[in-house]
Amino acid sequence: MKCGLCGSMMRATTTNLPFKVSETTIVILKELPVFQCENCSEYLLDDSVLKRVDEILEKVDTAAELEVIKYAA
């Protein structure tokens, strides 16, 4: 797969990504599987991963300011 920004190759890897779920709550998903560009670090989420991320974020307690969750498919 090629990067849509710079045209370099993208590789499968895992990373930690933050998601803002409300005005006061940020969730960091750890070990999230992504495709990341070897050149510019742009990343893409597979549709199945994005669906699971949505499910995880829907269950977050927005009373917390920061929550760290390990991704599990």
N, C-alpha and C. Protein backbone atom coordinates (compact mmCIF):
# COMPACT_ATOMS: atom_id res chain seq x y z
N MET A 1 0.86 -1.17 0.00
CA MET A 1 0.00 0.00 0.00
C MET A 1 0.90 1.24 0.00
N LYS A 2 0.50 2.24 -0.76
CA LYS A 2 1.28 3.48 -0.83
C LYS A 2 0.59 4.60 -0.07
N CYS A 3 1.39 5.48 0.49
CA CYS A 3 0.91 6.63 1.25
C CYS A 3 0.19 7.60 0.32
N GLY A 4 -0.96 8.09 0.74
CA GLY A 4 -1.72 9.05 -0.04
C GLY A 4 -1.10 10.43 -0.04
N LEU A 5 -0.22 10.71 0.92
CA LEU A 5 0.41 12.04 0.99
C LEU A 5 1.70 12.13 0.20
N CYS A 6 2.61 11.17 0.44
CA CYS A 6 3.93 11.30 -0.19
C CYS A 6 4.25 10.19 -1.18
N GLY A 7 3.43 9.13 -1.23
CA GLY A 7 3.65 8.06 -2.19
C GLY A 7 4.61 6.97 -1.74
N SER A 8 5.18 7.09 -0.55
CA SER A 8 6.07 6.05 -0.03
C SER A 8 5.26 4.84 0.42
N MET A 9 5.96 3.76 0.68
CA MET A 9 5.29 2.53 1.13
C MET A 9 4.83 2.67 2.58
N MET A 10 3.69 2.03 2.85
CA MET A 10 3.16 1.99 4.22
C MET A 10 3.36 0.57 4.73
N ARG A 11 3.66 0.45 6.03
CA ARG A 11 3.87 -0.86 6.62
C ARG A 11 2.95 -1.05 7.81
N ALA A 12 2.61 -2.29 8.07
CA ALA A 12 1.78 -2.62 9.22
C ALA A 12 2.63 -2.53 10.48
N THR A 13 2.09 -1.86 11.49
CA THR A 13 2.78 -1.70 12.77
C THR A 13 1.75 -1.44 13.85
N THR A 14 2.19 -1.26 15.08
CA THR A 14 1.28 -0.84 16.15
C THR A 14 1.81 0.46 16.73
N THR A 15 0.87 1.26 17.24
CA THR A 15 1.24 2.55 17.82
C THR A 15 0.23 2.93 18.89
N ASN A 16 0.51 3.98 19.62
CA ASN A 16 -0.41 4.53 20.61
C ASN A 16 -0.97 5.83 20.05
N LEU A 17 -2.31 5.95 20.04
CA LEU A 17 -2.93 7.15 19.48
C LEU A 17 -3.93 7.77 20.46
N PRO A 18 -3.94 9.11 20.55
CA PRO A 18 -4.92 9.79 21.39
C PRO A 18 -6.20 10.09 20.62
N PHE A 19 -7.34 10.03 21.32
CA PHE A 19 -8.63 10.37 20.75
C PHE A 19 -9.35 11.30 21.73
N LYS A 20 -9.82 12.43 21.26
CA LYS A 20 -10.59 13.36 22.09
C LYS A 20 -12.05 12.96 21.99
N VAL A 21 -12.64 12.51 23.11
CA VAL A 21 -14.01 12.01 23.08
C VAL A 21 -15.02 13.00 23.65
N SER A 22 -14.54 14.03 24.33
CA SER A 22 -15.40 15.11 24.80
C SER A 22 -14.52 16.34 25.02
N GLU A 23 -15.12 17.42 25.46
CA GLU A 23 -14.35 18.64 25.69
C GLU A 23 -13.27 18.44 26.76
N THR A 24 -13.49 17.51 27.68
CA THR A 24 -12.56 17.34 28.79
C THR A 24 -11.92 15.96 28.86
N THR A 25 -12.22 15.08 27.93
CA THR A 25 -11.74 13.70 28.02
C THR A 25 -10.93 13.29 26.81
N ILE A 26 -9.74 12.76 27.08
CA ILE A 26 -8.88 12.20 26.04
C ILE A 26 -8.62 10.74 26.38
N VAL A 27 -8.70 9.90 25.35
CA VAL A 27 -8.43 8.47 25.52
C VAL A 27 -7.21 8.14 24.67
N ILE A 28 -6.26 7.44 25.26
CA ILE A 28 -5.11 6.95 24.51
C ILE A 28 -5.31 5.45 24.32
N LEU A 29 -5.35 5.03 23.06
CA LEU A 29 -5.44 3.61 22.75
C LEU A 29 -4.03 3.11 22.48
N LYS A 30 -3.61 2.11 23.27
CA LYS A 30 -2.27 1.55 23.17
C LYS A 30 -2.27 0.33 22.27
N GLU A 31 -1.15 0.15 21.57
CA GLU A 31 -0.92 -1.00 20.70
C GLU A 31 -2.00 -1.14 19.63
N LEU A 32 -2.35 -0.01 19.04
CA LEU A 32 -3.37 0.05 17.99
C LEU A 32 -2.73 -0.35 16.66
N PRO A 33 -3.28 -1.35 15.95
CA PRO A 33 -2.71 -1.74 14.67
C PRO A 33 -3.04 -0.70 13.58
N VAL A 34 -2.01 -0.22 12.90
CA VAL A 34 -2.17 0.79 11.86
C VAL A 34 -1.25 0.45 10.69
N PHE A 35 -1.49 1.13 9.57
CA PHE A 35 -0.54 1.15 8.46
C PHE A 35 0.12 2.52 8.54
N GLN A 36 1.46 2.55 8.65
CA GLN A 36 2.16 3.81 8.81
C GLN A 36 3.20 3.99 7.70
N CYS A 37 3.25 5.20 7.17
CA CYS A 37 4.18 5.54 6.10
C CYS A 37 5.62 5.51 6.63
N GLU A 38 6.50 4.90 5.86
CA GLU A 38 7.91 4.82 6.25
C GLU A 38 8.61 6.17 6.10
N ASN A 39 8.02 7.08 5.34
CA ASN A 39 8.67 8.36 5.06
C ASN A 39 8.10 9.50 5.91
N CYS A 40 6.79 9.72 5.84
CA CYS A 40 6.21 10.91 6.48
C CYS A 40 5.42 10.60 7.76
N SER A 41 5.31 9.33 8.13
CA SER A 41 4.62 8.88 9.35
C SER A 41 3.10 9.02 9.31
N GLU A 42 2.52 9.36 8.15
CA GLU A 42 1.06 9.35 8.00
C GLU A 42 0.58 7.94 8.32
N TYR A 43 -0.62 7.82 8.90
CA TYR A 43 -1.12 6.49 9.23
C TYR A 43 -2.56 6.31 8.76
N LEU A 44 -2.93 5.06 8.57
CA LEU A 44 -4.29 4.68 8.20
C LEU A 44 -4.76 3.56 9.10
N LEU A 45 -6.05 3.57 9.41
CA LEU A 45 -6.66 2.50 10.18
C LEU A 45 -7.50 1.64 9.25
N ASP A 46 -7.38 0.34 9.38
CA ASP A 46 -8.21 -0.58 8.63
C ASP A 46 -9.66 -0.41 9.08
N ASP A 47 -10.62 -0.67 8.20
CA ASP A 47 -12.04 -0.48 8.54
C ASP A 47 -12.45 -1.29 9.77
N SER A 48 -11.97 -2.52 9.90
CA SER A 48 -12.34 -3.35 11.05
C SER A 48 -11.75 -2.78 12.35
N VAL A 49 -10.56 -2.23 12.26
CA VAL A 49 -9.93 -1.61 13.44
C VAL A 49 -10.71 -0.35 13.83
N LEU A 50 -11.07 0.45 12.84
CA LEU A 50 -11.82 1.67 13.11
C LEU A 50 -13.17 1.36 13.75
N LYS A 51 -13.82 0.31 13.30
CA LYS A 51 -15.09 -0.09 13.89
C LYS A 51 -14.90 -0.45 15.37
N ARG A 52 -13.84 -1.20 15.67
CA ARG A 52 -13.56 -1.58 17.07
C ARG A 52 -13.20 -0.35 17.90
N VAL A 53 -12.47 0.59 17.33
CA VAL A 53 -12.13 1.84 18.04
C VAL A 53 -13.41 2.58 18.40
N ASP A 54 -14.33 2.69 17.46
CA ASP A 54 -15.62 3.34 17.74
C ASP A 54 -16.35 2.66 18.89
N GLU A 55 -16.35 1.34 18.91
CA GLU A 55 -17.01 0.59 19.99
C GLU A 55 -16.35 0.88 21.33
N ILE A 56 -15.03 0.91 21.35
CA ILE A 56 -14.30 1.19 22.59
C ILE A 56 -14.60 2.60 23.08
N LEU A 57 -14.56 3.58 22.18
CA LEU A 57 -14.76 4.98 22.57
C LEU A 57 -16.18 5.26 23.04
N GLU A 58 -17.16 4.51 22.54
CA GLU A 58 -18.55 4.69 22.98
C GLU A 58 -18.73 4.33 24.46
N LYS A 59 -17.87 3.46 24.98
CA LYS A 59 -18.01 2.98 26.36
C LYS A 59 -17.17 3.76 27.37
N VAL A 60 -16.46 4.78 26.91
CA VAL A 60 -15.56 5.53 27.78
C VAL A 60 -16.35 6.38 28.77
N ASP A 61 -15.87 6.41 30.01
CA ASP A 61 -16.45 7.26 31.05
C ASP A 61 -15.91 8.67 30.86
N THR A 62 -16.76 9.58 30.39
CA THR A 62 -16.30 10.95 30.10
C THR A 62 -16.11 11.81 31.34
N ALA A 63 -16.29 11.21 32.52
CA ALA A 63 -16.01 11.95 33.75
C ALA A 63 -14.50 12.03 33.99
N ALA A 64 -13.76 11.11 33.39
CA ALA A 64 -12.30 11.11 33.54
C ALA A 64 -11.68 12.06 32.52
N GLU A 65 -10.58 12.71 32.91
CA GLU A 65 -9.88 13.60 31.98
C GLU A 65 -9.01 12.81 31.00
N LEU A 66 -8.39 11.74 31.49
CA LEU A 66 -7.50 10.94 30.67
C LEU A 66 -7.70 9.47 30.99
N GLU A 67 -7.83 8.68 29.94
CA GLU A 67 -7.96 7.23 30.13
C GLU A 67 -7.05 6.56 29.11
N VAL A 68 -6.33 5.53 29.58
CA VAL A 68 -5.45 4.77 28.70
C VAL A 68 -6.02 3.36 28.61
N ILE A 69 -6.26 2.91 27.36
CA ILE A 69 -6.89 1.61 27.13
C ILE A 69 -6.03 0.83 26.15
N LYS A 70 -5.74 -0.43 26.48
CA LYS A 70 -5.02 -1.29 25.55
C LYS A 70 -6.00 -1.81 24.52
N TYR A 71 -5.68 -1.63 23.24
CA TYR A 71 -6.55 -2.08 22.16
C TYR A 71 -6.57 -3.60 22.15
N ALA A 72 -7.76 -4.15 22.00
CA ALA A 72 -7.91 -5.60 21.83
C ALA A 72 -8.98 -5.81 20.76
N ALA A 73 -8.62 -6.55 19.74
CA ALA A 73 -9.52 -6.75 18.61
C ALA A 73 -10.78 -7.48 18.98
